[in-house]
Amino acid sequence: MKLLQEVKTASSIIVTGAAGGMGRTCCQYLAELGWSVLAIDHNQVRLSQLQHANIKTLAIDLADDDLLPKTQQALHDLPPVWGLINLAGISKGSDVEHLDLEDWQRSFDVNVTPALKLIQLLIPIMKQNGGGSIVNVSSPVGYIGARKPSYAASKAALHGLTMSCARNLGQYNIRVNLLLPGTTITEMTKDWSIERQAAIAEESLLKRLCTPQEIAESLAFLLSEHSRYMTGSILDLTCGSMWGH
């Protein structure tokens, strides 16, 4: 077991959406555990807050045509890639009556297509390294819907992508799982009124919101050998609360 842990932590993890509240905590935590982290996000200012010897940043829009070549270039001086966390997500658009097709397409261009592209990029690398672990981060709205169909549909698409990739890649010891986070305390939720936060927290079985650290620890579990018989699985971190927005 110790040898497995040493092999995994002597590897690199790619994290998209690395500059968000969840992403920054995740990158810092993985770096503290000993992994080398390639943190990808379009927000250069927030990326600069990720200061750790094990973290390398790449500022790029996930819909940029140069995503793959720039990712490959950034990986050149890092240890072999073991994991990928597709955490990035945007919420654009309106209700179905007023939804602009450009917002619909943009939602998929950021929330889904880059996940597929990065998975395809890493398949030969992970095969050569003897396996890997991929985690796609979805949302309860992928199941219960949201005011914005563009966001809910793109998050639901991650579910199908996860299960299909798990089915395709298991033979190579490449595991693919889905994390389903509940409402988490981030920059966005900190701007909510105390009343709104309390109402949402009340729906949780623990009567509180999730924290970015709890998200980071769950992601680390899915990357580690402790989840080595998990693939095509959904790790439910909603605490019994399926909340849509």
C-alpha atoms as a PDB file:
ATOM      1  CA  MET A   1       0.000   0.000   0.000  1.00  0.00           C
ATOM      2  CA  LYS A   2       2.816   2.385   0.829  1.00  0.00           C
ATOM      3  CA  LEU A   3       4.423   1.727  -2.557  1.00  0.00           C
ATOM      4  CA  LEU A   4       1.140   2.492  -4.334  1.00  0.00           C
ATOM      5  CA  GLN A   5       0.866   5.780  -2.476  1.00  0.00           C
ATOM      6  CA  GLU A   6       4.416   6.733  -3.404  1.00  0.00           C
ATOM      7  CA  VAL A   7       3.739   5.962  -7.080  1.00  0.00           C
ATOM      8  CA  LYS A   8       0.564   8.048  -7.121  1.00  0.00           C
ATOM      9  CA  THR A   9       1.975  11.096  -5.354  1.00  0.00           C
ATOM     10  CA  ALA A  10       5.052  11.105  -7.581  1.00  0.00           C
ATOM     11  CA  SER A  11       2.642  12.043 -10.354  1.00  0.00           C
ATOM     12  CA  SER A  12       0.768  15.012 -11.739  1.00  0.00           C
ATOM     13  CA  ILE A  13      -2.874  15.985 -11.502  1.00  0.00           C
ATOM     14  CA  ILE A  14      -4.585  18.388 -13.924  1.00  0.00           C
ATOM     15  CA  VAL A  15      -7.338  20.561 -12.439  1.00  0.00           C
ATOM     16  CA  THR A  16      -9.605  22.773 -14.558  1.00  0.00           C
ATOM     17  CA  GLY A  17     -11.606  25.548 -12.957  1.00  0.00           C
ATOM     18  CA  ALA A  18      -8.612  25.893 -10.668  1.00  0.00           C
ATOM     19  CA  ALA A  19      -9.169  29.567  -9.842  1.00  0.00           C
ATOM     20  CA  GLY A  20     -12.650  29.129  -8.353  1.00  0.00           C
ATOM     21  CA  GLY A  21     -13.412  28.632  -4.684  1.00  0.00           C
ATOM     22  CA  MET A  22     -13.467  24.849  -4.946  1.00  0.00           C
ATOM     23  CA  GLY A  23     -10.604  24.768  -7.430  1.00  0.00           C
ATOM     24  CA  ARG A  24      -8.113  26.767  -5.384  1.00  0.00           C
ATOM     25  CA  THR A  25      -8.708  24.707  -2.267  1.00  0.00           C
ATOM     26  CA  CYS A  26      -8.469  21.507  -4.286  1.00  0.00           C
ATOM     27  CA  CYS A  27      -5.146  22.490  -5.889  1.00  0.00           C
ATOM     28  CA  GLN A  28      -3.630  23.543  -2.586  1.00  0.00           C
ATOM     29  CA  TYR A  29      -4.738  20.356  -0.852  1.00  0.00           C
ATOM     30  CA  LEU A  30      -3.462  18.044  -3.599  1.00  0.00           C
ATOM     31  CA  ALA A  31      -0.150  19.919  -3.636  1.00  0.00           C
ATOM     32  CA  GLU A  32       0.152  19.522   0.128  1.00  0.00           C
ATOM     33  CA  LEU A  33      -0.407  15.777  -0.289  1.00  0.00           C
ATOM     34  CA  GLY A  34       2.606  15.647  -2.594  1.00  0.00           C
ATOM     35  CA  TRP A  35       1.074  15.630  -6.051  1.00  0.00           C
ATOM     36  CA  SER A  36       2.295  18.004  -8.745  1.00  0.00           C
ATOM     37  CA  VAL A  37      -0.676  20.048  -9.929  1.00  0.00           C
ATOM     38  CA  LEU A  38      -1.298  21.738 -13.271  1.00  0.00           C
ATOM     39  CA  ALA A  39      -3.931  24.348 -12.450  1.00  0.00           C
ATOM     40  CA  ILE A  40      -5.912  25.543 -15.479  1.00  0.00           C
ATOM     41  CA  ASP A  41      -8.285  28.515 -15.521  1.00  0.00           C
ATOM     42  CA  HIS A  42      -8.966  31.630 -17.570  1.00  0.00           C
ATOM     43  CA  ASN A  43      -8.688  33.925 -14.527  1.00  0.00           C
ATOM     44  CA  GLN A  44      -5.019  34.895 -14.273  1.00  0.00           C
ATOM     45  CA  VAL A  45      -5.544  37.065 -11.183  1.00  0.00           C
ATOM     46  CA  ARG A  46      -7.065  34.285  -9.117  1.00  0.00           C
ATOM     47  CA  LEU A  47      -4.593  31.751 -10.485  1.00  0.00           C
ATOM     48  CA  SER A  48      -1.780  33.901  -9.107  1.00  0.00           C
ATOM     49  CA  GLN A  49      -3.135  33.184  -5.612  1.00  0.00           C
ATOM     50  CA  LEU A  50      -2.064  29.560  -6.029  1.00  0.00           C
ATOM     51  CA  GLN A  51       1.440  29.781  -4.648  1.00  0.00           C
ATOM     52  CA  HIS A  52       2.934  26.382  -3.884  1.00  0.00           C
ATOM     53  CA  ALA A  53       6.083  24.674  -5.121  1.00  0.00           C
ATOM     54  CA  ASN A  54       3.988  21.777  -6.457  1.00  0.00           C
ATOM     55  CA  ILE A  55       1.549  23.953  -8.419  1.00  0.00           C
ATOM     56  CA  LYS A  56       2.065  25.121 -11.995  1.00  0.00           C
ATOM     57  CA  THR A  57      -0.577  27.358 -13.564  1.00  0.00           C
ATOM     58  CA  LEU A  58      -1.908  27.697 -17.085  1.00  0.00           C
ATOM     59  CA  ALA A  59      -4.142  30.683 -17.856  1.00  0.00           C
ATOM     60  CA  ILE A  60      -6.368  29.861 -20.817  1.00  0.00           C
ATOM     61  CA  ASP A  61     -10.041  29.807 -21.727  1.00  0.00           C
ATOM     62  CA  LEU A  62     -11.132  26.182 -21.912  1.00  0.00           C
ATOM     63  CA  ALA A  63     -12.862  26.861 -25.224  1.00  0.00           C
ATOM     64  CA  ASP A  64      -9.588  28.116 -26.734  1.00  0.00           C
ATOM     65  CA  ASP A  65      -8.379  26.073 -29.708  1.00  0.00           C
ATOM     66  CA  ASP A  66      -4.904  26.024 -28.136  1.00  0.00           C
ATOM     67  CA  LEU A  67      -6.056  24.256 -24.961  1.00  0.00           C
ATOM     68  CA  LEU A  68      -4.534  20.894 -25.843  1.00  0.00           C
ATOM     69  CA  PRO A  69      -1.159  22.018 -27.238  1.00  0.00           C
ATOM     70  CA  LYS A  70      -0.647  24.449 -24.352  1.00  0.00           C
ATOM     71  CA  THR A  71      -1.596  21.742 -21.851  1.00  0.00           C
ATOM     72  CA  GLN A  72       0.865  19.350 -23.456  1.00  0.00           C
ATOM     73  CA  GLN A  73       3.574  21.997 -23.325  1.00  0.00           C
ATOM     74  CA  ALA A  74       2.869  22.712 -19.647  1.00  0.00           C
ATOM     75  CA  LEU A  75       3.182  19.011 -18.820  1.00  0.00           C
ATOM     76  CA  HIS A  76       6.689  18.681 -20.282  1.00  0.00           C
ATOM     77  CA  ASP A  77       8.552  19.450 -17.042  1.00  0.00           C
ATOM     78  CA  LEU A  78       6.056  17.761 -14.694  1.00  0.00           C
ATOM     79  CA  PRO A  79       5.983  14.153 -13.432  1.00  0.00           C
ATOM     80  CA  PRO A  80       3.830  11.616 -15.330  1.00  0.00           C
ATOM     81  CA  VAL A  81       0.115  12.420 -15.308  1.00  0.00           C
ATOM     82  CA  TRP A  82      -2.004  10.238 -13.043  1.00  0.00           C
ATOM     83  CA  GLY A  83      -5.199  12.275 -12.633  1.00  0.00           C
ATOM     84  CA  LEU A  84      -7.580  14.770 -14.207  1.00  0.00           C
ATOM     85  CA  ILE A  85     -10.263  16.762 -12.410  1.00  0.00           C
ATOM     86  CA  ASN A  86     -12.773  18.448 -14.717  1.00  0.00           C
ATOM     87  CA  LEU A  87     -14.065  20.988 -12.232  1.00  0.00           C
ATOM     88  CA  ALA A  88     -14.641  23.997 -14.479  1.00  0.00           C
ATOM     89  CA  GLY A  89     -18.172  25.180 -15.069  1.00  0.00           C
ATOM     90  CA  ILE A  90     -20.085  28.290 -16.072  1.00  0.00           C
ATOM     91  CA  SER A  91     -23.752  29.126 -15.665  1.00  0.00           C
ATOM     92  CA  LYS A  92     -25.030  31.097 -18.643  1.00  0.00           C
ATOM     93  CA  GLY A  93     -28.390  31.625 -20.256  1.00  0.00           C
ATOM     94  CA  SER A  94     -31.984  32.128 -19.284  1.00  0.00           C
ATOM     95  CA  ASP A  95     -35.144  30.040 -18.970  1.00  0.00           C
ATOM     96  CA  VAL A  96     -36.150  27.842 -21.880  1.00  0.00           C
ATOM     97  CA  GLU A  97     -38.463  30.460 -23.412  1.00  0.00           C
ATOM     98  CA  HIS A  98     -35.714  33.071 -23.581  1.00  0.00           C
ATOM     99  CA  LEU A  99     -32.611  30.925 -23.922  1.00  0.00           C
ATOM    100  CA  ASP A 100     -30.113  32.208 -26.476  1.00  0.00           C
ATOM    101  CA  LEU A 101     -28.503  29.420 -28.493  1.00  0.00           C
ATOM    102  CA  GLU A 102     -25.132  31.127 -28.119  1.00  0.00           C
ATOM    103  CA  ASP A 103     -25.397  30.764 -24.342  1.00  0.00           C
ATOM    104  CA  TRP A 104     -26.452  27.138 -24.798  1.00  0.00           C
ATOM    105  CA  GLN A 105     -23.415  26.444 -26.991  1.00  0.00           C
ATOM    106  CA  ARG A 106     -21.045  28.355 -24.692  1.00  0.00           C
ATOM    107  CA  SER A 107     -22.230  26.237 -21.749  1.00  0.00           C
ATOM    108  CA  PHE A 108     -21.281  23.038 -23.549  1.00  0.00           C
ATOM    109  CA  ASP A 109     -18.075  24.572 -24.935  1.00  0.00           C
ATOM    110  CA  VAL A 110     -16.837  25.172 -21.369  1.00  0.00           C
ATOM    111  CA  ASN A 111     -18.633  22.606 -19.209  1.00  0.00           C
ATOM    112  CA  VAL A 112     -18.436  19.494 -21.382  1.00  0.00           C
ATOM    113  CA  THR A 113     -16.283  19.642 -24.516  1.00  0.00           C
ATOM    114  CA  PRO A 114     -12.987  20.511 -22.762  1.00  0.00           C
ATOM    115  CA  ALA A 115     -13.517  17.556 -20.421  1.00  0.00           C
ATOM    116  CA  LEU A 116     -13.789  15.259 -23.428  1.00  0.00           C
ATOM    117  CA  LYS A 117     -10.770  16.841 -25.137  1.00  0.00           C
ATOM    118  CA  LEU A 118      -8.559  16.530 -22.064  1.00  0.00           C
ATOM    119  CA  ILE A 119      -9.639  12.934 -21.493  1.00  0.00           C
ATOM    120  CA  GLN A 120      -8.758  12.102 -25.091  1.00  0.00           C
ATOM    121  CA  LEU A 121      -5.403  13.862 -24.681  1.00  0.00           C
ATOM    122  CA  LEU A 122      -4.544  11.873 -21.553  1.00  0.00           C
ATOM    123  CA  ILE A 123      -5.685   8.397 -22.627  1.00  0.00           C
ATOM    124  CA  PRO A 124      -2.402   7.422 -24.348  1.00  0.00           C
ATOM    125  CA  ILE A 125      -0.375   9.005 -21.549  1.00  0.00           C
ATOM    126  CA  MET A 126      -2.291   7.163 -18.842  1.00  0.00           C
ATOM    127  CA  LYS A 127      -2.149   3.900 -20.771  1.00  0.00           C
ATOM    128  CA  GLN A 128       1.614   4.219 -20.974  1.00  0.00           C
ATOM    129  CA  ASN A 129       1.790   4.996 -17.232  1.00  0.00           C
ATOM    130  CA  GLY A 130      -0.295   1.955 -16.309  1.00  0.00           C
ATOM    131  CA  GLY A 131      -3.543   3.727 -15.469  1.00  0.00           C
ATOM    132  CA  GLY A 132      -5.043   6.866 -14.035  1.00  0.00           C
ATOM    133  CA  SER A 133      -8.032   8.461 -12.363  1.00  0.00           C
ATOM    134  CA  ILE A 134     -10.418  10.978 -13.917  1.00  0.00           C
ATOM    135  CA  VAL A 135     -13.079  12.854 -11.965  1.00  0.00           C
ATOM    136  CA  ASN A 136     -15.824  14.894 -13.592  1.00  0.00           C
ATOM    137  CA  VAL A 137     -17.612  17.337 -11.290  1.00  0.00           C
ATOM    138  CA  SER A 138     -21.327  17.680 -11.958  1.00  0.00           C
ATOM    139  CA  SER A 139     -24.221  19.292 -10.088  1.00  0.00           C
ATOM    140  CA  PRO A 140     -27.608  18.248  -8.673  1.00  0.00           C
ATOM    141  CA  VAL A 141     -29.206  20.344 -11.422  1.00  0.00           C
ATOM    142  CA  GLY A 142     -28.114  17.650 -13.868  1.00  0.00           C
ATOM    143  CA  TYR A 143     -30.801  15.495 -12.254  1.00  0.00           C
ATOM    144  CA  ILE A 144     -33.482  17.894 -11.050  1.00  0.00           C
ATOM    145  CA  GLY A 145     -33.119  20.688 -13.616  1.00  0.00           C
ATOM    146  CA  ALA A 146     -32.568  24.392 -13.158  1.00  0.00           C
ATOM    147  CA  ARG A 147     -33.951  27.714 -14.304  1.00  0.00           C
ATOM    148  CA  LYS A 148     -31.173  27.668 -16.910  1.00  0.00           C
ATOM    149  CA  PRO A 149     -31.544  24.573 -19.145  1.00  0.00           C
ATOM    150  CA  SER A 150     -28.128  25.285 -20.656  1.00  0.00           C
ATOM    151  CA  TYR A 151     -26.405  24.752 -17.308  1.00  0.00           C
ATOM    152  CA  ALA A 152     -28.481  21.760 -16.242  1.00  0.00           C
ATOM    153  CA  ALA A 153     -28.135  19.998 -19.602  1.00  0.00           C
ATOM    154  CA  SER A 154     -24.360  20.509 -19.724  1.00  0.00           C
ATOM    155  CA  LYS A 155     -23.977  19.098 -16.222  1.00  0.00           C
ATOM    156  CA  ALA A 156     -26.196  16.137 -17.101  1.00  0.00           C
ATOM    157  CA  ALA A 157     -23.969  15.512 -20.124  1.00  0.00           C
ATOM    158  CA  LEU A 158     -21.026  14.992 -17.776  1.00  0.00           C
ATOM    159  CA  HIS A 159     -22.871  12.045 -16.273  1.00  0.00           C
ATOM    160  CA  GLY A 160     -23.172  10.286 -19.622  1.00  0.00           C
ATOM    161  CA  LEU A 161     -19.585  11.147 -20.503  1.00  0.00           C
ATOM    162  CA  THR A 162     -18.365   9.725 -17.198  1.00  0.00           C
ATOM    163  CA  MET A 163     -20.175   6.408 -17.490  1.00  0.00           C
ATOM    164  CA  SER A 164     -19.197   5.937 -21.129  1.00  0.00           C
ATOM    165  CA  CYS A 165     -15.528   6.701 -20.468  1.00  0.00           C
ATOM    166  CA  ALA A 166     -15.522   4.366 -17.463  1.00  0.00           C
ATOM    167  CA  ARG A 167     -16.908   1.612 -19.694  1.00  0.00           C
ATOM    168  CA  ASN A 168     -14.357   2.335 -22.439  1.00  0.00           C
ATOM    169  CA  LEU A 169     -11.255   2.811 -20.303  1.00  0.00           C
ATOM    170  CA  GLY A 170     -11.541   0.311 -17.468  1.00  0.00           C
ATOM    171  CA  GLN A 171      -9.514  -2.222 -19.442  1.00  0.00           C
ATOM    172  CA  TYR A 172      -6.529   0.147 -19.180  1.00  0.00           C
ATOM    173  CA  ASN A 173      -6.880   0.680 -15.413  1.00  0.00           C
ATOM    174  CA  ILE A 174      -8.136   4.200 -16.101  1.00  0.00           C
ATOM    175  CA  ARG A 175     -10.931   4.949 -13.666  1.00  0.00           C
ATOM    176  CA  VAL A 176     -13.580   7.599 -14.368  1.00  0.00           C
ATOM    177  CA  ASN A 177     -15.961   8.791 -11.656  1.00  0.00           C
ATOM    178  CA  LEU A 178     -18.433  11.601 -11.053  1.00  0.00           C
ATOM    179  CA  LEU A 179     -18.483  13.883  -8.028  1.00  0.00           C
ATOM    180  CA  LEU A 180     -21.868  15.369  -7.191  1.00  0.00           C
ATOM    181  CA  PRO A 181     -21.284  18.290  -4.798  1.00  0.00           C
ATOM    182  CA  GLY A 182     -23.942  19.924  -2.728  1.00  0.00           C
ATOM    183  CA  THR A 183     -24.192  23.674  -2.246  1.00  0.00           C
ATOM    184  CA  THR A 184     -20.720  24.741  -1.209  1.00  0.00           C
ATOM    185  CA  ILE A 185     -19.404  27.844   0.541  1.00  0.00           C
ATOM    186  CA  THR A 186     -17.537  29.771  -2.178  1.00  0.00           C
ATOM    187  CA  GLU A 187     -17.283  33.375  -3.342  1.00  0.00           C
ATOM    188  CA  MET A 188     -20.736  33.071  -4.894  1.00  0.00           C
ATOM    189  CA  THR A 189     -22.515  31.738  -1.809  1.00  0.00           C
ATOM    190  CA  LYS A 190     -20.739  34.216   0.463  1.00  0.00           C
ATOM    191  CA  ASP A 191     -22.594  36.949  -1.431  1.00  0.00           C
ATOM    192  CA  TRP A 192     -25.962  35.379  -0.599  1.00  0.00           C
ATOM    193  CA  SER A 193     -28.032  36.726   2.239  1.00  0.00           C
ATOM    194  CA  ILE A 194     -27.861  34.945   5.594  1.00  0.00           C
ATOM    195  CA  GLU A 195     -31.518  34.022   5.135  1.00  0.00           C
ATOM    196  CA  ARG A 196     -30.902  32.373   1.775  1.00  0.00           C
ATOM    197  CA  GLN A 197     -27.885  30.445   3.036  1.00  0.00           C
ATOM    198  CA  ALA A 198     -29.847  29.274   6.068  1.00  0.00           C
ATOM    199  CA  ALA A 199     -32.813  28.143   3.959  1.00  0.00           C
ATOM    200  CA  ILE A 200     -30.580  26.066   1.681  1.00  0.00           C
ATOM    201  CA  ALA A 201     -28.572  24.675   4.599  1.00  0.00           C
ATOM    202  CA  GLU A 202     -31.823  23.599   6.262  1.00  0.00           C
ATOM    203  CA  GLU A 203     -32.475  21.196   3.368  1.00  0.00           C
ATOM    204  CA  SER A 204     -29.224  19.371   4.135  1.00  0.00           C
ATOM    205  CA  LEU A 205     -29.426  16.408   6.485  1.00  0.00           C
ATOM    206  CA  LEU A 206     -26.576  17.984   8.458  1.00  0.00           C
ATOM    207  CA  LYS A 207     -28.237  21.412   8.356  1.00  0.00           C
ATOM    208  CA  ARG A 208     -25.194  23.155   6.891  1.00  0.00           C
ATOM    209  CA  LEU A 209     -23.501  23.883   3.575  1.00  0.00           C
ATOM    210  CA  CYS A 210     -20.537  21.929   2.210  1.00  0.00           C
ATOM    211  CA  THR A 211     -17.036  23.411   2.418  1.00  0.00           C
ATOM    212  CA  PRO A 212     -14.379  23.581  -0.326  1.00  0.00           C
ATOM    213  CA  GLN A 213     -12.084  21.513   1.900  1.00  0.00           C
ATOM    214  CA  GLU A 214     -14.650  18.698   1.979  1.00  0.00           C
ATOM    215  CA  ILE A 215     -14.812  18.830  -1.822  1.00  0.00           C
ATOM    216  CA  ALA A 216     -11.000  18.709  -2.027  1.00  0.00           C
ATOM    217  CA  GLU A 217     -10.772  15.716   0.305  1.00  0.00           C
ATOM    218  CA  SER A 218     -13.402  13.822  -1.696  1.00  0.00           C
ATOM    219  CA  LEU A 219     -11.549  14.516  -4.933  1.00  0.00           C
ATOM    220  CA  ALA A 220      -8.290  13.335  -3.367  1.00  0.00           C
ATOM    221  CA  PHE A 221     -10.038  10.110  -2.338  1.00  0.00           C
ATOM    222  CA  LEU A 222     -11.211   9.485  -5.901  1.00  0.00           C
ATOM    223  CA  LEU A 223      -7.686  10.089  -7.193  1.00  0.00           C
ATOM    224  CA  SER A 224      -6.035   7.811  -4.666  1.00  0.00           C
ATOM    225  CA  GLU A 225      -5.588   4.056  -4.416  1.00  0.00           C
ATOM    226  CA  HIS A 226      -8.202   4.055  -1.649  1.00  0.00           C
ATOM    227  CA  SER A 227     -10.860   4.190  -4.400  1.00  0.00           C
ATOM    228  CA  ARG A 228      -9.069   1.757  -6.700  1.00  0.00           C
ATOM    229  CA  TYR A 229     -12.196  -0.401  -7.218  1.00  0.00           C
ATOM    230  CA  MET A 230     -14.410   2.582  -8.026  1.00  0.00           C
ATOM    231  CA  THR A 231     -15.150   3.494 -11.623  1.00  0.00           C
ATOM    232  CA  GLY A 232     -18.384   4.548 -13.255  1.00  0.00           C
ATOM    233  CA  SER A 233     -19.453   5.618  -9.766  1.00  0.00           C
ATOM    234  CA  ILE A 234     -21.164   8.728  -8.433  1.00  0.00           C
ATOM    235  CA  LEU A 235     -19.811  10.101  -5.166  1.00  0.00           C
ATOM    236  CA  ASP A 236     -22.810  11.928  -3.725  1.00  0.00           C
ATOM    237  CA  LEU A 237     -21.784  14.896  -1.595  1.00  0.00           C
ATOM    238  CA  THR A 238     -25.222  16.517  -1.543  1.00  0.00           C
ATOM    239  CA  CYS A 239     -25.924  15.411   2.023  1.00  0.00           C
ATOM    240  CA  GLY A 240     -29.482  14.518   1.057  1.00  0.00           C
ATOM    241  CA  SER A 241     -30.203  17.910  -0.468  1.00  0.00           C
ATOM    242  CA  MET A 242     -30.921  18.064  -4.183  1.00  0.00           C
ATOM    243  CA  TRP A 243     -31.054  21.823  -4.630  1.00  0.00           C
ATOM    244  CA  GLY A 244     -31.550  23.540  -7.981  1.00  0.00           C
ATOM    245  CA  HIS A 245     -31.169  27.190  -8.911  1.00  0.00           C
END
